[in-house]
């Protein structure tokens, strides 16, 4: 690559007789000429900050890696929270059934349902309640008969629920056991067994 003088813009010929550090045209040292040109450029216009890129790959890239790790951790946490919340609020029949204790097979639950009577299970419910629909769907899927009282349409159901101390639905009474915190398949099976 040819050397060009920053002061006089002469391209250094290969057969120049002056030292390598000196311009053959104006006699100025190449470093001094480039320093003078930088000084003129900085005094002529607004000062610009010179930005140097770290060619070793460690300077700005380190921060970028940490930011990426932080973003990925946040995304993983938010994904976990969304999946966890979705699992609690949008439980389908399959996920409710999967909460049965390991010792209760579907056949054992079906056998328990066959031996139960409709008067063993009483549920306070409402048409608009998704958790009530899921609970009733689980009961029907496993063959449990039940009696229900709709708090919006049944005469006195809302007052009865209030007298029991219930503030949410579904509220189940299973063989005298009050399920105040909603439907839980494990708690339901234990109550049906009298535990």
Protein backbone atom coordinates (compact mmCIF):
# COMPACT_ATOMS: atom_id res chain seq x y z
CA UNK A 1 0.00 0.00 0.00
CA UNK A 2 1.52 3.39 -0.97
CA UNK A 3 2.29 6.04 1.64
CA UNK A 4 0.52 9.38 1.09
CA UNK A 5 1.63 12.61 2.79
CA UNK A 6 -1.09 14.18 4.89
CA UNK A 7 0.26 17.71 4.24
CA UNK A 8 1.02 17.86 0.49
CA UNK A 9 -0.83 14.67 -0.58
CA UNK A 10 2.17 13.36 -2.49
CA UNK A 11 2.26 9.65 -3.08
CA UNK A 12 5.71 8.43 -2.01
CA UNK A 13 7.56 7.00 -5.00
CA UNK A 14 9.37 3.71 -4.52
CA UNK A 15 12.71 5.21 -5.61
CA UNK A 16 12.62 8.12 -3.06
CA UNK A 17 16.06 8.96 -1.56
CA UNK A 18 14.79 10.55 1.69
CA UNK A 19 14.28 8.46 4.85
CA UNK A 20 11.15 6.28 5.05
CA UNK A 21 9.57 8.49 7.72
CA UNK A 22 9.94 11.71 5.65
CA UNK A 23 7.88 13.02 2.71
CA UNK A 24 10.08 13.54 -0.41
CA UNK A 25 7.88 16.46 -1.57
CA UNK A 26 7.58 18.74 1.50
CA UNK A 27 10.16 17.17 3.85
CA UNK A 28 7.76 16.85 6.78
CA UNK A 29 7.69 13.67 8.81
CA UNK A 30 4.60 11.65 7.99
CA UNK A 31 3.55 11.42 11.67
CA UNK A 32 3.91 15.20 12.18
CA UNK A 33 1.92 15.92 9.04
CA UNK A 34 -0.91 13.63 10.12
CA UNK A 35 -0.83 15.15 13.66
CA UNK A 36 -1.00 18.67 12.16
CA UNK A 37 -3.85 17.67 9.89
CA UNK A 38 -5.80 16.20 12.86
CA UNK A 39 -5.22 19.43 14.81
CA UNK A 40 -6.46 21.54 11.89
CA UNK A 41 -9.53 19.36 11.47
CA UNK A 42 -10.40 19.54 15.14
CA UNK A 43 -10.01 23.34 15.30
CA UNK A 44 -11.87 23.95 12.04
CA UNK A 45 -15.21 22.48 13.02
CA UNK A 46 -17.09 21.18 15.99
CA UNK A 47 -15.15 18.70 18.04
CA UNK A 48 -16.00 15.17 17.30
CA UNK A 49 -15.22 12.47 19.75
CA UNK A 50 -13.13 9.74 18.28
CA UNK A 51 -14.63 6.35 18.84
CA UNK A 52 -12.36 3.39 18.91
CA UNK A 53 -13.58 -0.10 18.42
CA UNK A 54 -11.95 -2.73 20.58
CA UNK A 55 -10.76 -5.26 18.07
CA UNK A 56 -10.01 -7.84 20.76
CA UNK A 57 -13.72 -8.64 20.97
CA UNK A 58 -13.93 -8.24 24.72
CA UNK A 59 -14.91 -4.61 25.39
CA UNK A 60 -18.46 -3.86 24.29
CA UNK A 61 -19.21 -7.46 23.53
CA UNK A 62 -19.00 -8.40 27.21
CA UNK A 63 -21.83 -6.03 28.08
CA UNK A 64 -23.84 -7.31 25.17
CA UNK A 65 -23.48 -10.86 26.45
CA UNK A 66 -24.63 -9.87 29.93
CA UNK A 67 -27.63 -8.01 28.54
CA UNK A 68 -28.52 -11.05 26.42
CA UNK A 69 -28.25 -13.35 29.46
CA UNK A 70 -30.44 -10.97 31.47
CA UNK A 71 -33.08 -10.81 28.71
CA UNK A 72 -33.12 -14.61 28.37
CA UNK A 73 -33.47 -15.07 32.13
CA UNK A 74 -36.36 -12.60 32.24
CA UNK A 75 -38.06 -14.31 29.31
CA UNK A 76 -37.64 -17.73 30.93
CA UNK A 77 -39.08 -16.45 34.21
CA UNK A 78 -42.05 -14.80 32.50
CA UNK A 79 -42.68 -17.95 30.46
CA UNK A 80 -42.63 -20.03 33.63
CA UNK A 81 -45.03 -17.65 35.41
CA UNK A 82 -47.43 -17.59 32.45
CA UNK A 83 -47.44 -21.37 32.19
CA UNK A 84 -47.87 -21.70 35.94
CA UNK A 85 -50.77 -19.22 36.03
CA UNK A 86 -52.38 -20.75 32.94
CA UNK A 87 -52.15 -24.13 34.61
CA UNK A 88 -53.99 -22.80 37.66
CA UNK A 89 -56.74 -20.85 35.96
CA UNK A 90 -57.35 -22.75 32.73
CA UNK A 91 -57.11 -26.29 33.99
CA UNK A 92 -58.79 -28.69 31.69
CA UNK A 93 -60.31 -32.01 32.62
CA UNK A 94 -57.07 -33.81 31.87
CA UNK A 95 -54.99 -31.65 34.17
CA UNK A 96 -57.51 -31.95 36.99
CA UNK A 97 -57.56 -35.71 36.53
CA UNK A 98 -53.77 -35.79 36.56
CA UNK A 99 -53.81 -34.40 40.09
CA UNK A 100 -55.31 -37.65 41.40
CA UNK A 101 -53.00 -39.29 43.88
CA UNK A 102 -50.64 -41.89 42.47
CA UNK A 103 -52.43 -44.70 44.33
CA UNK A 104 -55.81 -43.99 42.71
CA UNK A 105 -56.14 -45.42 39.25
CA UNK A 106 -59.04 -44.35 37.02
CA UNK A 107 -60.61 -47.76 37.66
CA UNK A 108 -60.45 -47.20 41.45
CA UNK A 109 -62.04 -43.75 41.07
CA UNK A 110 -64.76 -45.25 38.85
CA UNK A 111 -65.40 -47.95 41.46
CA UNK A 112 -65.71 -45.24 44.13
CA UNK A 113 -68.17 -43.37 41.92
CA UNK A 114 -70.29 -46.51 41.41
CA UNK A 115 -70.62 -46.97 45.17
CA UNK A 116 -71.54 -43.29 45.78
CA UNK A 117 -75.04 -41.80 45.82
CA UNK A 118 -76.17 -38.40 44.58
CA UNK A 119 -76.83 -37.26 48.17
CA UNK A 120 -73.13 -37.78 49.02
CA UNK A 121 -72.07 -34.79 46.89
CA UNK A 122 -73.68 -31.34 47.02
CA UNK A 123 -72.27 -28.45 44.98
CA UNK A 124 -73.07 -24.74 45.03
CA UNK A 125 -72.53 -23.48 41.52
CA UNK A 126 -73.41 -20.86 38.88
CA UNK A 127 -73.70 -20.98 35.08
CA UNK A 128 -71.05 -18.29 34.55
CA UNK A 129 -68.40 -20.01 36.72
CA UNK A 130 -65.67 -21.80 34.67
CA UNK A 131 -64.30 -23.62 37.72
CA UNK A 132 -67.80 -24.94 38.47
CA UNK A 133 -68.10 -26.25 34.90
CA UNK A 134 -64.74 -27.99 35.22
CA UNK A 135 -65.65 -29.55 38.55
CA UNK A 136 -69.00 -30.82 37.24
CA UNK A 137 -67.32 -32.07 34.07
CA UNK A 138 -64.75 -34.02 36.14
CA UNK A 139 -67.52 -35.49 38.29
CA UNK A 140 -69.51 -36.53 35.20
CA UNK A 141 -66.42 -37.94 33.47
CA UNK A 142 -65.71 -40.20 36.44
CA UNK A 143 -69.37 -41.15 36.96
CA UNK A 144 -70.13 -39.29 40.20
CA UNK A 145 -73.73 -38.28 40.78
CA UNK A 146 -74.34 -35.04 42.63
CA UNK A 147 -76.97 -32.54 43.72
CA UNK A 148 -76.47 -28.88 42.92
CA UNK A 149 -77.80 -25.50 43.91
CA UNK A 150 -77.34 -22.60 41.45
CA UNK A 151 -76.72 -19.41 43.43
CA UNK A 152 -78.20 -17.26 40.65
CA UNK A 153 -81.35 -19.28 39.92
CA UNK A 154 -82.02 -21.56 42.92
CA UNK A 155 -84.31 -20.16 45.62
CA UNK A 156 -82.29 -19.43 48.73
CA UNK A 157 -79.03 -20.95 47.42
CA UNK A 158 -77.07 -17.74 47.78
CA UNK A 159 -78.27 -17.28 51.37
CA UNK A 160 -77.48 -20.93 52.23
CA UNK A 161 -73.95 -20.50 50.86
CA UNK A 162 -73.49 -17.31 52.90
CA UNK A 163 -74.69 -19.10 56.07
CA UNK A 164 -72.09 -21.82 55.49
CA UNK A 165 -69.37 -19.16 55.39
CA UNK A 166 -68.68 -19.74 51.72
CA UNK A 167 -67.51 -16.77 49.72
CA UNK A 168 -66.68 -18.51 46.47
CA UNK A 169 -67.86 -21.22 44.17
CA UNK A 170 -67.71 -24.06 43.51
CA UNK A 171 -68.40 -24.92 47.13
CA UNK A 172 -68.78 -28.66 47.64
CA UNK A 173 -70.05 -30.68 50.56
CA UNK A 174 -68.80 -34.25 50.17
CA UNK A 175 -70.13 -36.71 52.77
CA UNK A 176 -70.20 -33.89 55.35
CA UNK A 177 -66.73 -32.55 54.38
CA UNK A 178 -66.84 -28.89 53.26
CA UNK A 179 -64.56 -28.02 50.33
CA UNK A 180 -64.47 -24.24 50.85
CA UNK A 181 -61.50 -23.53 48.58
CA UNK A 182 -63.03 -24.87 45.38
CA UNK A 183 -62.69 -28.24 43.72
CA UNK A 184 -59.60 -30.38 44.18
CA UNK A 185 -59.73 -33.95 42.90
CA UNK A 186 -57.41 -35.32 45.60
CA UNK A 187 -59.40 -33.70 48.39
CA UNK A 188 -62.63 -34.89 46.77
CA UNK A 189 -61.50 -38.54 46.56
CA UNK A 190 -60.23 -38.44 50.16
CA UNK A 191 -63.58 -37.00 51.34
CA UNK A 192 -65.49 -39.71 49.42
CA UNK A 193 -63.40 -42.33 51.23
CA UNK A 194 -64.14 -40.65 54.57
CA UNK A 195 -60.56 -39.61 55.23
